Structures are given as C-alpha cells and as structure tokens.
Amino acid sequence: MKVVRKLGDGIKKFVVRTKEIVVQPGEFFVRTLSKEKSIGKGLRYYGELLVFNLILSTGILIVYKSYWKEVDWVMLAGAAVVTLAVRVIYAFVGSWFLNVLVRFLGGKADYKKTFLVFVYSKAPFMIFEPLLGFIAQLYGYWVQAVGIKHAYGFSYKRTAFLYGVVLVIFFCIYLGLAMYIGRHFGIMTSLGG
C-alpha cells in the first residue's frame, strides 16, 4: 500500500509541476531557480518526462499497430533506449550551448540555472510531442526563453535576440544535415546537386 501511495504522490507532484511549467512558466522559474541548489531535481524531473514521453509514444504506437503489418518490437525497444540516452546527453550539451550563448550576450552564466531552465522547458515538448510535434517544440522554446529571461534578468529584446541566434544556428545545422544527407543518398540529384 505504501508503494502505491508513494507512486500516486510522485505522479501528483509531476502533474502539478508540469502544469506550472506549461501554464505559468514565469512564476515557476522565479520560484524554482532561487530554491534549487543543484541540478538534481531538474535531472530527476527530466527523467520523469522521458519516461512519460516513452509511455505516451508507445501507447500511440499500440493504438496504430493495426496499420503496421510487422513491427519488430525488439528493434523498437532498442531504439527507445538509444533515444533516451541521446536525450540525456542532449540535455547536458544543449544547456552547455545555451550557457555559452548567455555569456556571449553578457549574462553571468551559471550552468546550474541554464541546465534547470533547459530541462524544465522541455515539458511542453515531451508531453505534447506525440500529438502536436512542431507546435509543442515552438512552445517549449518560448518557455525556455521565459526561463532565461527570469534566470539572468534579460530584457525581452535581449532574450528575443538570443533565440533568434539559436534559431538561425539550428536552421543552418538542419539545412546542412539535409543537404549532406540529400547529396549522399541521391535525394538532391533532382535539384541539380
């Protein structure tokens, strides 16, 4: 009975925290960034998000399983494990990259704050990704911008510039990857490449 109660309390805390991040990100970041002394709670929450996202994505796959003739569930499980590992690495590398940009704009970058903003801002994407995809990603960037604004006292203009730089860099990376993949796999040949 204690295990069920503890699990229920954990789920309730997860839901409350997620609702705060998605609905009131400014208030959430003001309160949380001043209280949390390490990345521990943020990393745990990110892990909970990853598990939730995995369960939701798997549920959607099961619902649409009838459209798949033969699903290799072992391969799918392996892909899930690799995805989880990549997303954990991405949290550390992405927050480091964001921290560098904060310093570039004159902020007194604190990796702990940047990491917490980064992982908490993934809530909209991880919760709504299987259903809303790109829209959830954009909303997650907005939540992240709100967090950076509150963490470092940036103006809206400075924060918008920071995310303009981030979007341009990501666009260039994605375009470069698309061109590389297209050129090496024959997709670009119809475009004269």
Protein backbone atom coordinates (compact mmCIF):
# COMPACT_ATOMS: atom_id res chain seq x y z
CA MET A 1 0.00 0.00 0.00
CA LYS A 2 2.88 2.39 0.80
CA VAL A 3 4.38 1.85 -2.66
CA VAL A 4 1.07 2.71 -4.36
CA ARG A 5 0.65 5.81 -2.18
CA LYS A 6 4.23 6.91 -2.88
CA LEU A 7 3.75 6.36 -6.61
CA GLY A 8 0.50 8.33 -6.50
CA ASP A 9 2.21 11.20 -4.67
CA GLY A 10 5.03 11.19 -7.23
CA ILE A 11 2.59 11.31 -10.13
CA LYS A 12 0.66 14.13 -8.46
CA LYS A 13 3.87 16.17 -7.99
CA PHE A 14 4.82 15.51 -11.61
CA VAL A 15 1.43 16.70 -12.87
CA VAL A 16 1.45 19.83 -10.66
CA ARG A 17 4.99 20.77 -11.70
CA THR A 18 4.25 20.16 -15.38
CA LYS A 19 1.09 22.26 -15.22
CA GLU A 20 3.03 25.13 -13.61
CA ILE A 21 5.73 24.98 -16.28
CA VAL A 22 3.27 24.88 -19.17
CA VAL A 23 0.68 27.36 -17.83
CA GLN A 24 2.75 29.77 -15.69
CA PRO A 25 6.40 29.46 -16.72
CA GLY A 26 7.45 32.90 -15.45
CA GLU A 27 6.21 32.30 -11.91
CA PHE A 28 7.58 28.76 -11.96
CA PHE A 29 11.10 29.86 -12.93
CA VAL A 30 11.19 32.77 -10.46
CA ARG A 31 10.27 30.43 -7.60
CA THR A 32 12.27 27.36 -8.68
CA LEU A 33 15.58 28.87 -9.77
CA SER A 34 16.06 30.59 -6.43
CA LYS A 35 15.24 27.46 -4.38
CA GLU A 36 17.09 24.68 -6.19
CA LYS A 37 20.76 24.48 -5.23
CA SER A 38 21.80 21.74 -7.67
CA ILE A 39 20.66 20.12 -10.90
CA GLY A 40 19.39 17.01 -9.07
CA LYS A 41 15.66 17.81 -9.01
CA GLY A 42 15.75 19.09 -12.57
CA LEU A 43 17.51 15.97 -13.79
CA ARG A 44 15.01 13.76 -11.95
CA TYR A 45 12.10 15.69 -13.47
CA TYR A 46 13.67 15.37 -16.92
CA GLY A 47 13.94 11.62 -16.37
CA GLU A 48 10.25 11.52 -15.42
CA LEU A 49 9.44 13.47 -18.60
CA LEU A 50 11.43 10.98 -20.67
CA VAL A 51 9.56 8.05 -19.14
CA PHE A 52 6.19 9.78 -19.65
CA ASN A 53 7.07 10.55 -23.27
CA LEU A 54 8.16 6.96 -23.85
CA ILE A 55 4.91 5.58 -22.37
CA LEU A 56 2.77 8.01 -24.37
CA SER A 57 4.64 7.31 -27.62
CA THR A 58 4.40 3.56 -27.05
CA GLY A 59 0.68 3.88 -26.36
CA ILE A 60 0.19 5.74 -29.62
CA LEU A 61 2.17 3.05 -31.46
CA ILE A 62 -0.01 0.34 -29.93
CA VAL A 63 -3.18 2.17 -30.98
CA TYR A 64 -1.90 2.48 -34.54
CA LYS A 65 -0.37 -1.01 -34.55
CA SER A 66 -3.14 -2.24 -36.79
CA TYR A 67 -1.62 -0.08 -39.56
CA TRP A 68 1.73 -1.82 -39.18
CA LYS A 69 1.97 -5.26 -40.65
CA GLU A 70 5.05 -6.49 -38.83
CA VAL A 71 6.61 -4.43 -36.07
CA ASP A 72 9.93 -5.61 -34.72
CA TRP A 73 9.30 -4.84 -31.05
CA VAL A 74 12.87 -5.72 -30.04
CA MET A 75 14.22 -3.19 -32.53
CA LEU A 76 11.66 -0.67 -31.32
CA ALA A 77 12.73 -1.22 -27.68
CA GLY A 78 16.37 -0.78 -28.69
CA ALA A 79 15.51 2.45 -30.48
CA ALA A 80 13.71 3.66 -27.33
CA VAL A 81 16.78 3.00 -25.17
CA VAL A 82 19.06 4.79 -27.65
CA THR A 83 16.60 7.71 -27.81
CA LEU A 84 16.56 8.02 -24.02
CA ALA A 85 20.37 8.03 -23.89
CA VAL A 86 20.63 10.62 -26.67
CA ARG A 87 18.09 12.87 -24.96
CA VAL A 88 20.01 12.76 -21.67
CA ILE A 89 23.25 13.67 -23.46
CA TYR A 90 21.34 16.37 -25.36
CA ALA A 91 20.20 17.91 -22.05
CA PHE A 92 23.80 18.42 -20.92
CA VAL A 93 25.19 19.51 -24.30
CA GLY A 94 22.17 21.72 -25.12
CA SER A 95 22.38 23.51 -21.78
CA TRP A 96 26.12 23.99 -22.22
CA PHE A 97 25.49 25.53 -25.67
CA LEU A 98 22.75 27.77 -24.24
CA ASN A 99 25.10 28.75 -21.41
CA VAL A 100 27.73 29.83 -23.96
CA LEU A 101 25.13 31.99 -25.74
CA VAL A 102 24.06 33.58 -22.44
CA ARG A 103 27.70 34.51 -21.77
CA PHE A 104 28.02 35.83 -25.32
CA LEU A 105 25.15 38.22 -24.59
CA GLY A 106 26.80 39.44 -21.41
CA GLY A 107 24.93 37.34 -18.88
CA LYS A 108 26.74 35.97 -15.87
CA ALA A 109 26.09 32.43 -16.96
CA ASP A 110 25.52 29.87 -14.25
CA TYR A 111 25.42 26.36 -15.71
CA LYS A 112 23.09 25.11 -12.97
CA LYS A 113 20.47 27.75 -13.79
CA THR A 114 20.83 27.20 -17.51
CA PHE A 115 20.54 23.43 -17.10
CA LEU A 116 17.40 23.77 -14.97
CA VAL A 117 15.80 26.15 -17.48
CA PHE A 118 16.73 23.80 -20.31
CA VAL A 119 15.30 20.62 -18.78
CA TYR A 120 12.17 22.21 -17.31
CA SER A 121 11.42 23.90 -20.63
CA LYS A 122 11.29 20.51 -22.32
CA ALA A 123 8.00 19.75 -20.55
CA PRO A 124 5.70 21.08 -23.31
CA PHE A 125 7.62 19.19 -25.98
CA MET A 126 7.85 15.90 -24.08
CA ILE A 127 4.20 15.97 -23.01
CA PHE A 128 2.67 17.08 -26.30
CA GLU A 129 5.24 15.88 -28.88
CA PRO A 130 3.42 12.72 -29.91
CA LEU A 131 0.26 14.73 -30.56
CA LEU A 132 1.38 18.23 -31.60
CA GLY A 133 5.02 17.80 -32.70
CA PHE A 134 6.43 21.05 -34.06
CA ILE A 135 3.93 23.27 -32.23
CA ALA A 136 4.99 21.70 -28.93
CA GLN A 137 8.63 22.31 -29.84
CA LEU A 138 8.00 26.00 -30.52
CA TYR A 139 6.08 26.40 -27.27
CA GLY A 140 8.97 24.72 -25.46
CA TYR A 141 11.36 27.31 -26.92
CA TRP A 142 9.06 30.06 -25.69
CA VAL A 143 9.03 28.53 -22.18
CA GLN A 144 12.82 28.30 -22.35
CA ALA A 145 13.07 31.97 -23.36
CA VAL A 146 10.87 32.94 -20.40
CA GLY A 147 13.14 30.90 -18.12
CA ILE A 148 16.33 32.50 -19.46
CA LYS A 149 14.77 35.95 -19.09
CA HIS A 150 13.99 35.29 -15.43
CA ALA A 151 17.23 33.43 -14.69
CA TYR A 152 19.51 36.18 -15.97
CA GLY A 153 17.34 39.30 -15.86
CA PHE A 154 17.47 39.79 -19.62
CA SER A 155 15.08 42.17 -21.33
CA TYR A 156 12.55 40.77 -23.77
CA LYS A 157 14.60 42.28 -26.61
CA ARG A 158 17.81 40.59 -25.48
CA THR A 159 16.01 37.28 -24.97
CA ALA A 160 14.41 37.51 -28.41
CA PHE A 161 17.83 38.19 -29.93
CA LEU A 162 19.27 35.16 -28.11
CA TYR A 163 16.56 32.90 -29.51
CA GLY A 164 16.88 34.45 -32.94
CA VAL A 165 20.56 33.42 -32.86
CA VAL A 166 19.60 29.93 -31.62
CA LEU A 167 17.03 29.51 -34.40
CA VAL A 168 19.46 30.68 -37.10
CA ILE A 169 22.15 28.28 -35.84
CA PHE A 170 19.70 25.36 -35.70
CA PHE A 171 18.35 26.24 -39.15
CA CYS A 172 21.88 26.21 -40.57
CA ILE A 173 22.65 22.89 -38.86
CA TYR A 174 19.42 21.31 -40.11
CA LEU A 175 19.92 22.70 -43.62
CA GLY A 176 23.49 21.43 -43.67
CA LEU A 177 22.40 17.99 -42.49
CA ALA A 178 19.59 17.88 -45.06
CA MET A 179 21.99 18.84 -47.84
CA TYR A 180 24.56 16.28 -46.67
CA ILE A 181 22.00 13.50 -46.44
CA GLY A 182 20.41 14.52 -49.72
CA ARG A 183 23.70 14.63 -51.58
CA HIS A 184 24.93 11.32 -50.20
CA PHE A 185 21.68 9.45 -50.61
CA GLY A 186 20.68 10.81 -54.01
CA ILE A 187 17.77 12.98 -52.91
CA MET A 188 19.35 16.20 -54.22
CA THR A 189 20.11 14.88 -57.71
CA SER A 190 16.76 16.10 -58.99
CA LEU A 191 17.73 19.62 -57.88
CA GLY A 192 20.91 19.59 -59.93
CA GLY A 193 23.17 18.70 -56.94
